[in-house]
Amino acid sequence: MRAILPSLLAAALLATLSVSHAENSQQDKMKTCNAQAGDKKGDDRKAFMKGCLSAAPAAQEKKLTPQQEKMKTCNASAGDKKGDDRKTFMKGCLSGKS
């Protein structure tokens, strides 16, 4: 029982820190959106804020994983290939054989 208690306390602390970080992130986003909204009023401001607050950060949107980059490159290289021909090409391309 004694060995479990420190683990539970550590887990509770980490959960608290995660929530705190998420709240700060949301607060930062709200500050940024408010600043960008400028002099907008009424429905125009409401629509802007809704879009701004629901938008993903630009850095996360544009950054692709290595697998996504490979898929993008192979898709472009596949061109007009269709059906089994495309499937065979993509399999080879994604595995690095083409």
Protein backbone atom coordinates (compact mmCIF):
# COMPACT_ATOMS: atom_id res chain seq x y z
CA MET A 1 0.00 0.00 0.00
CA ARG A 2 2.86 2.39 0.80
CA ALA A 3 4.37 1.93 -2.66
CA ILE A 4 1.08 2.82 -4.36
CA LEU A 5 0.54 6.12 -2.53
CA PRO A 6 3.54 7.97 -4.05
CA SER A 7 2.50 6.80 -7.51
CA LEU A 8 -1.04 8.06 -7.00
CA LEU A 9 0.23 11.40 -5.74
CA ALA A 10 2.54 11.77 -8.72
CA ALA A 11 -0.30 10.94 -11.13
CA ALA A 12 -2.57 13.50 -9.44
CA LEU A 13 0.15 16.15 -9.68
CA LEU A 14 0.72 15.45 -13.38
CA ALA A 15 -3.01 15.64 -14.08
CA THR A 16 -3.20 19.00 -12.30
CA LEU A 17 -0.26 20.35 -14.28
CA SER A 18 -1.80 19.19 -17.57
CA VAL A 19 -5.10 20.92 -16.81
CA SER A 20 -3.29 24.07 -15.73
CA HIS A 21 -1.26 24.11 -18.96
CA ALA A 22 -4.40 23.59 -21.06
CA GLU A 23 -6.16 26.46 -19.28
CA ASN A 24 -3.17 28.76 -19.84
CA SER A 25 -3.07 27.77 -23.49
CA GLN A 26 -6.78 28.56 -23.91
CA GLN A 27 -6.33 31.84 -22.05
CA ASP A 28 -3.41 32.76 -24.32
CA LYS A 29 -5.50 31.93 -27.36
CA MET A 30 -8.34 34.14 -26.05
CA LYS A 31 -5.91 37.05 -25.53
CA THR A 32 -4.50 36.65 -29.03
CA CYS A 33 -7.94 36.46 -30.64
CA ASN A 34 -9.16 39.48 -28.69
CA ALA A 35 -6.18 41.48 -29.90
CA GLN A 36 -6.76 40.39 -33.50
CA ALA A 37 -10.47 41.23 -33.31
CA GLY A 38 -9.55 44.89 -32.88
CA ASP A 39 -12.56 47.21 -33.29
CA LYS A 40 -15.00 44.57 -34.57
CA LYS A 41 -18.44 44.82 -32.94
CA GLY A 42 -21.58 42.71 -32.59
CA ASP A 43 -22.16 39.74 -34.89
CA ASP A 44 -18.98 40.48 -36.85
CA ARG A 45 -16.86 40.17 -33.67
CA LYS A 46 -18.79 37.12 -32.49
CA ALA A 47 -18.20 35.32 -35.82
CA PHE A 48 -14.52 36.30 -35.85
CA MET A 49 -13.95 35.11 -32.27
CA LYS A 50 -15.71 31.80 -32.94
CA GLY A 51 -13.47 31.10 -35.94
CA CYS A 52 -10.32 32.30 -34.22
CA LEU A 53 -10.85 30.27 -31.04
CA SER A 54 -11.71 27.08 -32.91
CA ALA A 55 -8.75 27.31 -35.30
CA ALA A 56 -5.78 25.02 -34.79
CA PRO A 57 -2.41 26.69 -34.38
CA ALA A 58 -0.76 27.32 -37.75
CA ALA A 59 2.42 25.44 -36.83
CA GLN A 60 0.46 22.29 -36.04
CA GLU A 61 -1.69 22.55 -39.18
CA LYS A 62 1.21 22.76 -41.62
CA LYS A 63 3.66 20.34 -40.04
CA LEU A 64 3.41 16.89 -41.61
CA THR A 65 4.84 13.72 -40.18
CA PRO A 66 7.53 11.93 -42.22
CA GLN A 67 4.94 9.31 -43.25
CA GLN A 68 2.54 12.05 -44.41
CA GLU A 69 5.34 13.69 -46.39
CA LYS A 70 6.15 10.36 -48.05
CA MET A 71 2.46 9.79 -48.84
CA LYS A 72 2.20 13.27 -50.35
CA THR A 73 5.27 12.71 -52.52
CA CYS A 74 4.12 9.26 -53.66
CA ASN A 75 0.61 10.55 -54.47
CA ALA A 76 2.11 13.28 -56.63
CA SER A 77 4.40 10.79 -58.37
CA ALA A 78 1.55 8.34 -59.01
CA GLY A 79 -0.04 10.83 -61.39
CA ASP A 80 -2.91 9.31 -63.42
CA LYS A 81 -2.34 5.70 -62.39
CA LYS A 82 -5.56 3.87 -61.45
CA GLY A 83 -6.62 0.61 -59.83
CA ASP A 84 -4.08 -2.17 -59.38
CA ASP A 85 -1.38 -0.20 -61.23
CA ARG A 86 -1.70 2.65 -58.71
CA LYS A 87 -1.88 0.26 -55.76
CA THR A 88 1.31 -1.51 -56.86
CA PHE A 89 3.09 1.80 -57.48
CA MET A 90 2.06 3.23 -54.09
CA LYS A 91 3.11 0.08 -52.24
CA GLY A 92 6.55 0.24 -53.83
CA CYS A 93 6.90 3.99 -53.37
CA LEU A 94 5.87 3.98 -49.70
CA SER A 95 8.21 1.09 -48.91
CA GLY A 96 11.08 2.88 -50.64
CA LYS A 97 11.42 0.38 -53.50
CA SER A 98 10.46 2.82 -56.28
